[in-house]
């Protein structure tokens, strides 16, 4: 499931993030890549263990916590501390699949990467190129979202970032271990939850039909969830 989630960050929040990031140290983005991905990754990144990365990462996590759509789509159990990258002219990231397991900082804790997320921090008219290309059941799809919006997609998807030809593309990126490991089941629950929301617009919350499909949603989640 490839999903566009709007307004995870407000425009004022994006502007504040950009101001802080512009004054920060950037390093070669290959420091966080696996062996295969490092061969095709050309971008810049804020070191993940710096105070700036930790502060802004916490702010992203708080923003995700107030986003019902992210919770519905990802069904998060654990979220990797968000990181921040930048693509300048000529930079790109070739076709790759994200690592299945990642280690959280110096804690040694491991997280299974079920869901990948890119939170855009640049407006589409600030740069040319830089599309996030994700292969899903409908083929390769390009994603270029407004600043503050998030693209969410299965971590096992083949994806890439096309070369920048003008300007710069800034973003936060991170991975989620979902309570629902299987993307097909996760998509099914998302679609069911969206249907419940639509039905509740026409029927009262205590209508037997609403109660029935809501109970079915939670019973399926109870059956499939891993904690």
N, C-alpha and C. Protein backbone atom coordinates (compact mmCIF):
# COMPACT_ATOMS: atom_id res chain seq x y z
N UNK A 1 0.84 -1.19 0.00
CA UNK A 1 0.00 0.00 0.00
C UNK A 1 0.88 1.25 0.00
N UNK A 2 0.72 2.07 -1.00
CA UNK A 2 1.40 3.37 -1.10
C UNK A 2 0.37 4.43 -0.75
N UNK A 3 0.66 5.24 0.27
CA UNK A 3 -0.34 6.16 0.79
C UNK A 3 0.25 7.55 0.97
N UNK A 4 -0.56 8.57 0.65
CA UNK A 4 -0.21 9.97 0.86
C UNK A 4 -0.96 10.46 2.10
N UNK A 5 -0.20 10.89 3.13
CA UNK A 5 -0.79 11.41 4.36
C UNK A 5 -0.50 12.91 4.43
N UNK A 6 -1.53 13.71 4.45
CA UNK A 6 -1.38 15.16 4.39
C UNK A 6 -1.13 15.78 5.76
N UNK A 7 -0.40 16.91 5.73
CA UNK A 7 -0.28 17.80 6.89
C UNK A 7 0.20 17.11 8.16
N UNK A 8 1.20 16.26 8.04
CA UNK A 8 1.82 15.70 9.24
C UNK A 8 2.54 16.81 10.00
N UNK A 9 3.19 17.69 9.27
CA UNK A 9 3.76 18.91 9.83
C UNK A 9 3.06 20.12 9.21
N UNK A 10 2.86 21.16 10.00
CA UNK A 10 2.31 22.40 9.46
C UNK A 10 3.39 23.15 8.68
N UNK A 11 2.99 24.14 7.91
CA UNK A 11 3.96 24.94 7.16
C UNK A 11 4.91 25.68 8.09
N UNK A 12 4.41 26.15 9.23
CA UNK A 12 5.28 26.82 10.21
C UNK A 12 6.29 25.83 10.79
N UNK A 13 5.86 24.61 11.05
CA UNK A 13 6.78 23.59 11.57
C UNK A 13 7.84 23.26 10.54
N UNK A 14 7.45 23.14 9.28
CA UNK A 14 8.41 22.87 8.21
C UNK A 14 9.45 23.98 8.13
N UNK A 15 8.99 25.23 8.18
CA UNK A 15 9.92 26.36 8.11
C UNK A 15 10.91 26.33 9.27
N UNK A 16 10.44 25.97 10.46
CA UNK A 16 11.33 25.90 11.62
C UNK A 16 12.33 24.77 11.45
N UNK A 17 11.86 23.61 10.98
CA UNK A 17 12.78 22.49 10.70
C UNK A 17 13.85 22.92 9.72
N UNK A 18 13.44 23.58 8.64
CA UNK A 18 14.41 23.97 7.61
C UNK A 18 15.45 24.94 8.17
N UNK A 19 15.02 25.87 8.98
CA UNK A 19 15.95 26.85 9.56
C UNK A 19 17.00 26.14 10.41
N UNK A 20 16.56 25.16 11.20
CA UNK A 20 17.50 24.42 12.05
C UNK A 20 18.43 23.55 11.20
N UNK A 21 17.88 22.88 10.21
CA UNK A 21 18.68 21.99 9.37
C UNK A 21 19.70 22.76 8.53
N UNK A 22 19.34 23.95 8.08
CA UNK A 22 20.25 24.75 7.27
C UNK A 22 21.52 25.13 8.03
N UNK A 23 21.41 25.22 9.35
CA UNK A 23 22.56 25.60 10.19
C UNK A 23 23.30 24.39 10.74
N UNK A 24 22.94 23.19 10.27
CA UNK A 24 23.49 21.96 10.84
C UNK A 24 24.55 21.33 9.95
N UNK A 25 25.28 20.40 10.52
CA UNK A 25 26.31 19.65 9.79
C UNK A 25 25.66 18.55 8.95
N UNK A 26 26.14 18.40 7.71
CA UNK A 26 25.67 17.34 6.83
C UNK A 26 26.85 16.44 6.47
N UNK A 27 26.58 15.13 6.35
CA UNK A 27 27.63 14.17 5.99
C UNK A 27 27.13 13.30 4.83
N UNK A 28 28.02 12.49 4.30
CA UNK A 28 27.68 11.56 3.23
C UNK A 28 26.57 10.63 3.70
N UNK A 29 25.49 10.55 2.91
CA UNK A 29 24.33 9.76 3.29
C UNK A 29 24.57 8.26 3.31
N UNK A 30 25.68 7.80 2.77
CA UNK A 30 25.94 6.37 2.75
C UNK A 30 26.25 5.80 4.13
N UNK A 31 26.39 6.68 5.15
CA UNK A 31 26.69 6.18 6.49
C UNK A 31 25.55 5.32 7.04
N UNK A 32 24.33 5.52 6.54
CA UNK A 32 23.20 4.75 7.07
C UNK A 32 22.72 3.67 6.11
N UNK A 33 23.44 3.48 5.00
CA UNK A 33 22.99 2.53 3.98
C UNK A 33 23.60 1.15 4.20
N UNK A 34 22.85 0.14 3.79
CA UNK A 34 23.39 -1.21 3.76
C UNK A 34 24.36 -1.37 2.61
N UNK A 35 25.00 -2.53 2.52
CA UNK A 35 26.04 -2.76 1.51
C UNK A 35 25.53 -2.55 0.10
N UNK A 36 24.35 -3.08 -0.22
CA UNK A 36 23.81 -2.95 -1.57
C UNK A 36 23.39 -1.51 -1.85
N UNK A 37 22.66 -0.89 -0.90
CA UNK A 37 22.15 0.46 -1.12
C UNK A 37 23.27 1.48 -1.22
N UNK A 38 24.36 1.27 -0.49
CA UNK A 38 25.47 2.24 -0.51
C UNK A 38 26.07 2.40 -1.89
N UNK A 39 25.94 1.39 -2.73
CA UNK A 39 26.52 1.45 -4.08
C UNK A 39 25.76 2.40 -4.99
N UNK A 40 24.49 2.71 -4.66
CA UNK A 40 23.70 3.55 -5.54
C UNK A 40 23.15 4.79 -4.84
N UNK A 41 23.63 5.06 -3.62
CA UNK A 41 23.11 6.18 -2.82
C UNK A 41 24.06 7.37 -2.91
N UNK A 42 23.54 8.51 -3.34
CA UNK A 42 24.32 9.74 -3.42
C UNK A 42 23.49 10.88 -2.87
N UNK A 43 23.63 11.14 -1.56
CA UNK A 43 22.92 12.26 -0.95
C UNK A 43 23.64 12.69 0.31
N UNK A 44 23.09 13.65 1.03
CA UNK A 44 23.65 14.14 2.28
C UNK A 44 22.68 13.83 3.41
N UNK A 45 23.21 13.78 4.63
CA UNK A 45 22.39 13.35 5.76
C UNK A 45 22.89 14.03 7.04
N UNK A 46 21.95 14.31 7.93
CA UNK A 46 22.32 14.79 9.27
C UNK A 46 22.74 13.57 10.09
N UNK A 47 23.93 13.57 10.72
CA UNK A 47 24.32 12.42 11.55
C UNK A 47 23.24 12.09 12.57
N UNK A 48 22.87 10.83 12.64
CA UNK A 48 21.70 10.42 13.44
C UNK A 48 21.90 10.59 14.93
N UNK A 49 23.15 10.67 15.40
CA UNK A 49 23.41 10.72 16.83
C UNK A 49 23.70 12.14 17.33
N UNK A 50 23.35 13.16 16.55
CA UNK A 50 23.59 14.54 16.95
C UNK A 50 22.38 15.09 17.70
N UNK A 51 22.58 16.13 18.52
CA UNK A 51 21.45 16.74 19.23
C UNK A 51 20.35 17.23 18.28
N UNK A 52 20.75 17.78 17.13
CA UNK A 52 19.76 18.27 16.16
C UNK A 52 18.89 17.13 15.66
N UNK A 53 19.52 16.02 15.28
CA UNK A 53 18.76 14.87 14.78
C UNK A 53 17.81 14.34 15.84
N UNK A 54 18.29 14.28 17.08
CA UNK A 54 17.44 13.76 18.16
C UNK A 54 16.27 14.71 18.44
N UNK A 55 16.55 16.00 18.48
CA UNK A 55 15.48 16.97 18.78
C UNK A 55 14.41 16.96 17.69
N UNK A 56 14.84 17.08 16.43
CA UNK A 56 13.87 17.12 15.34
C UNK A 56 13.18 15.77 15.17
N UNK A 57 13.93 14.69 15.42
CA UNK A 57 13.32 13.36 15.35
C UNK A 57 12.19 13.21 16.36
N UNK A 58 12.39 13.72 17.58
CA UNK A 58 11.34 13.67 18.59
C UNK A 58 10.13 14.48 18.15
N UNK A 59 10.38 15.58 17.49
CA UNK A 59 9.26 16.41 17.03
C UNK A 59 8.48 15.71 15.92
N UNK A 60 9.17 14.98 15.08
CA UNK A 60 8.47 14.19 14.07
C UNK A 60 7.62 13.11 14.73
N UNK A 61 8.16 12.44 15.73
CA UNK A 61 7.41 11.39 16.43
C UNK A 61 6.15 11.95 17.09
N UNK A 62 6.26 13.14 17.67
CA UNK A 62 5.08 13.78 18.26
C UNK A 62 4.05 14.10 17.18
N UNK A 63 4.52 14.54 16.02
CA UNK A 63 3.61 14.84 14.92
C UNK A 63 2.90 13.58 14.43
N UNK A 64 3.62 12.47 14.37
CA UNK A 64 3.01 11.20 13.96
C UNK A 64 1.94 10.76 14.96
N UNK A 65 2.21 11.00 16.26
CA UNK A 65 1.27 10.58 17.30
C UNK A 65 -0.06 11.32 17.19
N UNK A 66 -0.05 12.52 16.61
CA UNK A 66 -1.30 13.26 16.47
C UNK A 66 -1.94 13.07 15.09
N UNK A 67 -1.40 12.14 14.30
CA UNK A 67 -1.92 11.87 12.95
C UNK A 67 -2.72 10.57 12.96
N UNK A 68 -4.05 10.63 13.01
CA UNK A 68 -4.84 9.40 12.99
C UNK A 68 -4.59 8.56 11.74
N UNK A 69 -4.34 9.22 10.61
CA UNK A 69 -4.14 8.48 9.38
C UNK A 69 -2.87 7.64 9.42
N UNK A 70 -1.78 8.18 10.01
CA UNK A 70 -0.56 7.40 10.13
C UNK A 70 -0.81 6.18 11.01
N UNK A 71 -1.49 6.37 12.13
CA UNK A 71 -1.78 5.25 13.03
C UNK A 71 -2.62 4.19 12.33
N UNK A 72 -3.64 4.61 11.61
CA UNK A 72 -4.51 3.68 10.90
C UNK A 72 -3.76 2.90 9.84
N UNK A 73 -2.88 3.58 9.11
CA UNK A 73 -2.20 2.94 7.98
C UNK A 73 -1.03 2.07 8.42
N UNK A 74 -0.24 2.56 9.39
CA UNK A 74 0.97 1.85 9.79
C UNK A 74 0.73 0.88 10.95
N UNK A 75 -0.28 1.14 11.76
CA UNK A 75 -0.52 0.35 12.98
C UNK A 75 0.81 0.13 13.72
N UNK A 76 1.45 1.23 14.13
CA UNK A 76 2.83 1.14 14.62
C UNK A 76 2.97 0.45 15.97
N UNK A 77 3.98 -0.39 16.06
CA UNK A 77 4.42 -0.95 17.33
C UNK A 77 5.65 -0.19 17.81
N UNK A 78 6.61 -0.02 16.90
CA UNK A 78 7.82 0.77 17.19
C UNK A 78 8.15 1.59 15.96
N UNK A 79 8.65 2.80 16.19
CA UNK A 79 9.08 3.67 15.09
C UNK A 79 10.55 3.99 15.27
N UNK A 80 11.33 3.76 14.23
CA UNK A 80 12.75 4.09 14.25
C UNK A 80 12.92 5.60 14.41
N UNK A 81 13.87 6.07 15.21
CA UNK A 81 14.09 7.51 15.31
C UNK A 81 14.27 8.13 13.93
N UNK A 82 13.46 9.13 13.57
CA UNK A 82 13.55 9.73 12.23
C UNK A 82 14.92 10.34 11.96
N UNK A 83 15.33 10.25 10.69
CA UNK A 83 16.57 10.85 10.21
C UNK A 83 16.23 11.88 9.13
N UNK A 84 17.25 12.61 8.68
CA UNK A 84 17.02 13.73 7.77
C UNK A 84 18.05 13.69 6.64
N UNK A 85 17.55 13.86 5.40
CA UNK A 85 18.47 13.84 4.26
C UNK A 85 18.21 14.99 3.30
N UNK A 86 19.16 15.17 2.39
CA UNK A 86 19.09 16.26 1.42
C UNK A 86 19.70 15.78 0.11
N UNK A 87 19.01 16.08 -0.98
CA UNK A 87 19.52 15.80 -2.32
C UNK A 87 19.76 17.12 -3.03
N UNK A 88 21.02 17.41 -3.37
CA UNK A 88 21.37 18.57 -4.17
C UNK A 88 21.47 18.16 -5.63
N UNK A 89 21.77 19.13 -6.49
CA UNK A 89 21.84 18.86 -7.93
C UNK A 89 22.82 17.73 -8.22
N UNK A 90 22.36 16.77 -9.02
CA UNK A 90 23.18 15.62 -9.38
C UNK A 90 23.06 14.45 -8.44
N UNK A 91 22.47 14.64 -7.28
CA UNK A 91 22.36 13.55 -6.31
C UNK A 91 21.15 12.68 -6.60
N UNK A 92 21.23 11.41 -6.23
CA UNK A 92 20.20 10.44 -6.55
C UNK A 92 20.33 9.24 -5.62
N UNK A 93 19.35 8.35 -5.69
CA UNK A 93 19.41 7.08 -4.95
C UNK A 93 18.78 6.04 -5.87
N UNK A 94 19.60 5.14 -6.37
CA UNK A 94 19.13 4.15 -7.33
C UNK A 94 18.19 3.13 -6.73
N UNK A 95 17.72 2.21 -7.56
CA UNK A 95 16.78 1.18 -7.10
C UNK A 95 17.36 0.39 -5.94
N UNK A 96 16.56 0.22 -4.90
CA UNK A 96 17.00 -0.54 -3.73
C UNK A 96 15.80 -0.97 -2.90
N UNK A 97 16.04 -1.88 -2.00
CA UNK A 97 15.05 -2.29 -1.00
C UNK A 97 15.65 -1.99 0.37
N UNK A 98 14.86 -1.45 1.28
CA UNK A 98 15.37 -1.09 2.60
C UNK A 98 15.74 -2.33 3.41
N UNK A 99 16.70 -2.16 4.31
CA UNK A 99 17.11 -3.26 5.19
C UNK A 99 15.90 -3.78 5.98
N UNK A 100 15.88 -5.08 6.20
CA UNK A 100 14.77 -5.68 6.93
C UNK A 100 14.84 -5.41 8.43
N UNK A 101 16.05 -5.32 8.97
CA UNK A 101 16.26 -5.09 10.40
C UNK A 101 17.23 -3.92 10.57
N UNK A 102 16.92 -3.03 11.51
CA UNK A 102 17.82 -1.94 11.82
C UNK A 102 18.06 -1.85 13.32
N UNK A 103 19.23 -1.36 13.68
CA UNK A 103 19.61 -1.20 15.08
C UNK A 103 19.37 0.25 15.47
N UNK A 104 18.73 0.45 16.62
CA UNK A 104 18.38 1.79 17.08
C UNK A 104 19.55 2.40 17.85
N UNK A 105 20.28 3.31 17.19
CA UNK A 105 21.35 4.05 17.84
C UNK A 105 22.31 3.19 18.61
N UNK A 106 22.69 3.67 19.79
CA UNK A 106 23.64 2.96 20.65
C UNK A 106 22.93 2.02 21.63
N UNK A 107 21.61 1.94 21.56
CA UNK A 107 20.88 1.08 22.49
C UNK A 107 21.05 -0.39 22.15
N UNK A 108 21.32 -0.68 20.88
CA UNK A 108 21.41 -2.07 20.44
C UNK A 108 20.07 -2.70 20.17
N UNK A 109 18.98 -1.98 20.45
CA UNK A 109 17.64 -2.51 20.17
C UNK A 109 17.45 -2.67 18.67
N UNK A 110 16.73 -3.72 18.29
CA UNK A 110 16.50 -4.00 16.89
C UNK A 110 15.03 -3.77 16.55
N UNK A 111 14.81 -3.26 15.35
CA UNK A 111 13.46 -3.02 14.87
C UNK A 111 13.31 -3.67 13.50
N UNK A 112 12.20 -4.37 13.30
CA UNK A 112 11.90 -4.95 11.99
C UNK A 112 11.24 -3.86 11.14
N UNK A 113 11.76 -3.63 9.97
CA UNK A 113 11.27 -2.54 9.12
C UNK A 113 10.15 -3.06 8.22
N UNK A 114 8.91 -2.81 8.62
CA UNK A 114 7.75 -3.21 7.83
C UNK A 114 7.28 -2.10 6.91
N UNK A 115 7.34 -0.86 7.39
CA UNK A 115 6.80 0.29 6.67
C UNK A 115 7.87 1.37 6.56
N UNK A 116 8.06 1.88 5.35
CA UNK A 116 8.98 3.00 5.11
C UNK A 116 8.18 4.29 4.99
N UNK A 117 8.77 5.40 5.44
CA UNK A 117 8.09 6.69 5.35
C UNK A 117 9.08 7.77 4.91
N UNK A 118 8.60 8.66 4.03
CA UNK A 118 9.34 9.85 3.64
C UNK A 118 8.47 11.06 3.93
N UNK A 119 8.94 11.94 4.81
CA UNK A 119 8.23 13.16 5.17
C UNK A 119 8.90 14.32 4.43
N UNK A 120 8.21 14.90 3.47
CA UNK A 120 8.80 15.92 2.61
C UNK A 120 8.94 17.24 3.36
N UNK A 121 10.11 17.88 3.22
CA UNK A 121 10.41 19.17 3.84
C UNK A 121 10.70 20.25 2.81
N UNK A 122 10.53 19.93 1.53
CA UNK A 122 10.68 20.90 0.44
C UNK A 122 9.41 20.92 -0.38
N UNK A 123 9.01 22.11 -0.84
CA UNK A 123 7.85 22.21 -1.73
C UNK A 123 8.22 21.69 -3.11
N UNK A 124 7.28 21.13 -3.85
CA UNK A 124 7.58 20.56 -5.17
C UNK A 124 8.22 21.55 -6.14
N UNK A 125 7.89 22.86 -6.01
CA UNK A 125 8.44 23.82 -6.96
C UNK A 125 9.85 24.29 -6.58
N UNK A 126 10.38 23.78 -5.48
CA UNK A 126 11.73 24.14 -5.07
C UNK A 126 12.79 23.34 -5.80
N UNK A 127 12.39 22.26 -6.47
CA UNK A 127 13.39 21.41 -7.12
C UNK A 127 12.78 20.68 -8.30
N UNK A 128 13.63 20.30 -9.26
CA UNK A 128 13.25 19.44 -10.38
C UNK A 128 13.92 18.10 -10.19
N UNK A 129 13.25 17.03 -10.64
CA UNK A 129 13.72 15.69 -10.34
C UNK A 129 13.37 15.36 -8.90
N UNK A 130 14.08 14.39 -8.32
CA UNK A 130 13.89 14.09 -6.92
C UNK A 130 12.61 13.35 -6.59
N UNK A 131 11.93 12.79 -7.61
CA UNK A 131 10.72 12.03 -7.31
C UNK A 131 11.07 10.73 -6.58
N UNK A 132 10.29 10.42 -5.57
CA UNK A 132 10.36 9.11 -4.94
C UNK A 132 9.60 8.13 -5.83
N UNK A 133 10.29 7.13 -6.35
CA UNK A 133 9.69 6.15 -7.25
C UNK A 133 9.50 4.84 -6.47
N UNK A 134 8.27 4.38 -6.37
CA UNK A 134 7.95 3.19 -5.59
C UNK A 134 7.22 2.19 -6.48
N UNK A 135 7.71 0.94 -6.49
CA UNK A 135 7.02 -0.10 -7.25
C UNK A 135 5.98 -0.76 -6.36
N UNK A 136 4.71 -0.70 -6.80
CA UNK A 136 3.65 -1.39 -6.08
C UNK A 136 2.91 -2.29 -7.06
N UNK A 137 1.71 -2.73 -6.70
CA UNK A 137 0.98 -3.68 -7.54
C UNK A 137 0.57 -3.07 -8.87
N UNK A 138 0.63 -1.74 -9.00
CA UNK A 138 0.25 -1.07 -10.24
C UNK A 138 1.47 -0.63 -11.05
N UNK A 139 2.65 -1.09 -10.67
CA UNK A 139 3.86 -0.71 -11.37
C UNK A 139 4.62 0.37 -10.62
N UNK A 140 5.56 1.03 -11.29
CA UNK A 140 6.38 2.07 -10.67
C UNK A 140 5.60 3.37 -10.65
N UNK A 141 5.47 3.97 -9.46
CA UNK A 141 4.72 5.21 -9.29
C UNK A 141 5.62 6.29 -8.71
N UNK A 142 5.49 7.51 -9.23
CA UNK A 142 6.28 8.63 -8.77
C UNK A 142 5.54 9.43 -7.69
N UNK A 143 6.29 9.87 -6.68
CA UNK A 143 5.71 10.61 -5.57
C UNK A 143 6.53 11.88 -5.34
N UNK A 144 5.85 13.02 -5.34
CA UNK A 144 6.49 14.31 -5.07
C UNK A 144 5.46 15.16 -4.35
N UNK A 145 5.55 15.23 -3.01
CA UNK A 145 4.47 15.77 -2.19
C UNK A 145 4.80 17.17 -1.66
N UNK A 146 3.77 17.92 -1.27
CA UNK A 146 3.99 19.21 -0.60
C UNK A 146 4.76 19.05 0.70
N UNK A 147 5.48 20.08 1.08
CA UNK A 147 6.22 20.06 2.34
C UNK A 147 5.25 19.85 3.50
N UNK A 148 5.61 18.95 4.40
CA UNK A 148 4.76 18.60 5.54
C UNK A 148 3.93 17.35 5.33
N UNK A 149 3.86 16.87 4.07
CA UNK A 149 3.11 15.65 3.76
C UNK A 149 4.04 14.44 3.76
N UNK A 150 3.45 13.27 3.99
CA UNK A 150 4.24 12.04 4.16
C UNK A 150 3.81 10.98 3.17
N UNK A 151 4.79 10.29 2.59
CA UNK A 151 4.55 9.12 1.76
C UNK A 151 4.87 7.88 2.59
N UNK A 152 3.93 6.94 2.63
CA UNK A 152 4.07 5.71 3.41
C UNK A 152 3.94 4.53 2.47
N UNK A 153 4.86 3.56 2.56
CA UNK A 153 4.86 2.44 1.63
C UNK A 153 5.57 1.24 2.26
N UNK A 154 5.29 0.03 1.78
CA UNK A 154 5.92 -1.16 2.36
C UNK A 154 7.44 -1.11 2.22
N UNK A 155 8.15 -1.46 3.28
CA UNK A 155 9.61 -1.40 3.25
C UNK A 155 10.22 -2.39 2.28
N UNK A 156 9.45 -3.43 1.90
CA UNK A 156 10.00 -4.41 0.96
C UNK A 156 9.87 -3.94 -0.48
N UNK A 157 9.26 -2.78 -0.71
CA UNK A 157 9.06 -2.28 -2.07
C UNK A 157 10.39 -1.83 -2.69
N UNK A 158 10.58 -2.15 -3.97
CA UNK A 158 11.70 -1.58 -4.72
C UNK A 158 11.41 -0.10 -4.93
N UNK A 159 12.37 0.76 -4.57
CA UNK A 159 12.13 2.20 -4.73
C UNK A 159 13.43 2.93 -4.99
N UNK A 160 13.32 4.19 -5.37
CA UNK A 160 14.48 5.00 -5.73
C UNK A 160 14.10 6.48 -5.63
N UNK A 161 15.12 7.35 -5.75
CA UNK A 161 14.91 8.79 -5.87
C UNK A 161 15.62 9.24 -7.13
N UNK A 162 14.87 9.89 -8.04
CA UNK A 162 15.44 10.29 -9.33
C UNK A 162 16.42 11.44 -9.14
N UNK A 163 17.38 11.62 -10.07
CA UNK A 163 18.40 12.67 -9.92
C UNK A 163 17.79 14.07 -9.84
N UNK A 164 18.38 14.88 -8.98
CA UNK A 164 17.99 16.29 -8.88
C UNK A 164 18.66 17.07 -10.02
N UNK A 165 17.88 17.87 -10.73
CA UNK A 165 18.43 18.69 -11.81
C UNK A 165 18.37 20.18 -11.50
N UNK A 166 17.60 20.57 -10.48
CA UNK A 166 17.53 21.97 -10.03
C UNK A 166 17.10 22.00 -8.58
N UNK A 167 17.73 22.88 -7.80
CA UNK A 167 17.31 23.06 -6.43
C UNK A 167 17.78 21.96 -5.50
N UNK A 168 17.02 21.72 -4.44
CA UNK A 168 17.38 20.71 -3.45
C UNK A 168 16.11 20.13 -2.84
N UNK A 169 16.17 18.86 -2.53
CA UNK A 169 15.03 18.14 -1.92
C UNK A 169 15.42 17.73 -0.50
N UNK A 170 14.67 18.23 0.50
CA UNK A 170 14.93 17.94 1.90
C UNK A 170 13.81 17.05 2.42
N UNK A 171 14.14 16.14 3.32
CA UNK A 171 13.11 15.22 3.83
C UNK A 171 13.57 14.59 5.14
N UNK A 172 12.60 14.05 5.86
CA UNK A 172 12.86 13.15 6.97
C UNK A 172 12.45 11.76 6.52
N UNK A 173 13.18 10.74 6.97
CA UNK A 173 12.85 9.38 6.59
C UNK A 173 13.01 8.47 7.81
N UNK A 174 12.18 7.43 7.84
CA UNK A 174 12.23 6.53 8.99
C UNK A 174 11.44 5.26 8.66
N UNK A 175 11.55 4.29 9.58
CA UNK A 175 10.89 2.99 9.38
C UNK A 175 10.04 2.66 10.60
N UNK A 176 9.01 1.86 10.36
CA UNK A 176 8.09 1.46 11.42
C UNK A 176 7.98 -0.06 11.47
N UNK A 177 8.06 -0.61 12.67
CA UNK A 177 7.67 -1.99 12.86
C UNK A 177 6.19 -1.99 13.21
N UNK A 178 5.40 -2.60 12.36
CA UNK A 178 3.95 -2.59 12.53
C UNK A 178 3.49 -3.74 13.42
N UNK A 179 2.35 -3.55 14.07
CA UNK A 179 1.73 -4.66 14.78
C UNK A 179 1.27 -5.74 13.80
N UNK A 180 1.08 -5.33 12.53
CA UNK A 180 0.66 -6.26 11.48
C UNK A 180 1.80 -6.40 10.49
N UNK A 181 2.51 -7.51 10.55
CA UNK A 181 3.70 -7.70 9.73
C UNK A 181 3.38 -7.74 8.23
N UNK A 182 2.28 -8.40 7.85
CA UNK A 182 1.94 -8.65 6.46
C UNK A 182 1.28 -7.42 5.83
N UNK A 183 1.83 -6.94 4.71
CA UNK A 183 1.29 -5.74 4.08
C UNK A 183 -0.13 -5.96 3.57
N UNK A 184 -0.44 -7.16 3.08
CA UNK A 184 -1.78 -7.44 2.60
C UNK A 184 -2.82 -7.34 3.71
N UNK A 185 -2.51 -7.90 4.88
CA UNK A 185 -3.42 -7.81 6.02
C UNK A 185 -3.52 -6.37 6.53
N UNK A 186 -2.40 -5.67 6.53
CA UNK A 186 -2.40 -4.27 6.97
C UNK A 186 -3.27 -3.42 6.04
N UNK A 187 -3.18 -3.66 4.74
CA UNK A 187 -4.00 -2.94 3.78
C UNK A 187 -5.48 -3.26 3.98
N UNK A 188 -5.78 -4.53 4.22
CA UNK A 188 -7.16 -4.95 4.46
C UNK A 188 -7.75 -4.20 5.66
N UNK A 189 -6.98 -4.12 6.76
CA UNK A 189 -7.46 -3.43 7.95
C UNK A 189 -7.61 -1.93 7.70
N UNK A 190 -6.71 -1.35 6.94
CA UNK A 190 -6.82 0.07 6.59
C UNK A 190 -8.10 0.32 5.80
N UNK A 191 -8.35 -0.49 4.79
CA UNK A 191 -9.56 -0.32 3.98
C UNK A 191 -10.82 -0.49 4.83
N UNK A 192 -10.79 -1.46 5.74
CA UNK A 192 -11.94 -1.68 6.61
C UNK A 192 -12.16 -0.48 7.53
N UNK A 193 -11.09 0.06 8.08
CA UNK A 193 -11.20 1.22 8.96
C UNK A 193 -11.75 2.42 8.20
N UNK A 194 -11.29 2.63 6.96
CA UNK A 194 -11.81 3.73 6.15
C UNK A 194 -13.30 3.55 5.86
N UNK A 195 -13.73 2.31 5.67
CA UNK A 195 -15.15 2.03 5.44
C UNK A 195 -15.97 2.33 6.69
N UNK A 196 -15.43 1.98 7.86
CA UNK A 196 -16.12 2.29 9.11
C UNK A 196 -16.31 3.80 9.26
N UNK A 197 -15.28 4.57 8.93
CA UNK A 197 -15.36 6.03 9.02
C UNK A 197 -16.47 6.55 8.11
N UNK A 198 -16.56 6.03 6.89
CA UNK A 198 -17.59 6.47 5.95
C UNK A 198 -18.98 6.09 6.43
N UNK A 199 -19.14 4.87 6.94
CA UNK A 199 -20.45 4.42 7.42
C UNK A 199 -20.91 5.27 8.60
N UNK A 200 -19.98 5.67 9.47
CA UNK A 200 -20.35 6.46 10.65
C UNK A 200 -20.82 7.86 10.29
N UNK A 201 -20.52 8.30 9.07
CA UNK A 201 -21.02 9.61 8.63
C UNK A 201 -22.53 9.57 8.38
N UNK A 202 -23.05 8.38 8.09
CA UNK A 202 -24.47 8.24 7.77
C UNK A 202 -25.28 7.61 8.91
N UNK A 203 -24.62 6.82 9.75
CA UNK A 203 -25.33 6.11 10.81
C UNK A 203 -24.75 6.49 12.16
N UNK A 204 -25.55 6.36 13.21
CA UNK A 204 -25.08 6.68 14.55
C UNK A 204 -24.09 5.63 15.03
N UNK A 205 -23.25 6.03 15.99
CA UNK A 205 -22.23 5.12 16.50
C UNK A 205 -22.82 3.88 17.16
N UNK A 206 -24.08 4.00 17.66
CA UNK A 206 -24.69 2.85 18.32
C UNK A 206 -25.57 2.02 17.38
N UNK A 207 -25.52 2.33 16.08
CA UNK A 207 -26.25 1.52 15.09
C UNK A 207 -25.64 0.12 15.06
N UNK A 208 -26.48 -0.89 14.97
CA UNK A 208 -25.98 -2.27 15.02
C UNK A 208 -24.99 -2.56 13.90
N UNK A 209 -25.21 -1.96 12.74
CA UNK A 209 -24.27 -2.16 11.63
C UNK A 209 -22.89 -1.59 11.93
N UNK A 210 -22.87 -0.38 12.50
CA UNK A 210 -21.60 0.25 12.87
C UNK A 210 -20.91 -0.56 13.96
N UNK A 211 -21.68 -0.96 14.96
CA UNK A 211 -21.10 -1.77 16.04
C UNK A 211 -20.55 -3.08 15.51
N UNK A 212 -21.24 -3.68 14.55
CA UNK A 212 -20.81 -4.97 14.02
C UNK A 212 -19.50 -4.89 13.25
N UNK A 213 -19.39 -3.92 12.33
CA UNK A 213 -18.15 -3.87 11.53
C UNK A 213 -16.99 -3.34 12.37
N UNK A 214 -17.29 -2.49 13.37
CA UNK A 214 -16.23 -2.03 14.26
C UNK A 214 -15.70 -3.19 15.10
N UNK A 215 -16.61 -4.03 15.57
CA UNK A 215 -16.20 -5.21 16.33
C UNK A 215 -15.38 -6.15 15.46
N UNK A 216 -15.78 -6.31 14.20
CA UNK A 216 -15.02 -7.18 13.28
C UNK A 216 -13.61 -6.64 13.08
N UNK A 217 -13.48 -5.33 12.92
CA UNK A 217 -12.15 -4.73 12.76
C UNK A 217 -11.27 -5.07 13.96
N UNK A 218 -11.77 -4.83 15.16
CA UNK A 218 -10.94 -5.04 16.35
C UNK A 218 -10.67 -6.53 16.60
N UNK A 219 -11.61 -7.38 16.26
CA UNK A 219 -11.37 -8.82 16.43
C UNK A 219 -10.32 -9.33 15.44
N UNK A 220 -10.31 -8.79 14.23
CA UNK A 220 -9.26 -9.16 13.27
C UNK A 220 -7.91 -8.62 13.73
N UNK A 221 -7.89 -7.37 14.21
CA UNK A 221 -6.64 -6.81 14.73
C UNK A 221 -6.14 -7.63 15.91
N UNK A 222 -7.03 -8.04 16.76
CA UNK A 222 -6.66 -8.86 17.92
C UNK A 222 -6.08 -10.21 17.47
N UNK A 223 -6.63 -10.76 16.41
CA UNK A 223 -6.18 -12.06 15.91
C UNK A 223 -4.80 -11.95 15.23
N UNK A 224 -4.57 -10.87 14.51
CA UNK A 224 -3.37 -10.78 13.67
C UNK A 224 -2.21 -10.01 14.31
N UNK A 225 -2.48 -9.21 15.32
CA UNK A 225 -1.44 -8.32 15.85
C UNK A 225 -0.34 -9.09 16.55
N UNK A 226 0.90 -8.61 16.38
CA UNK A 226 2.07 -9.12 17.08
C UNK A 226 2.56 -8.01 18.01
N UNK A 227 2.77 -8.36 19.26
CA UNK A 227 3.17 -7.35 20.24
C UNK A 227 4.52 -7.73 20.88
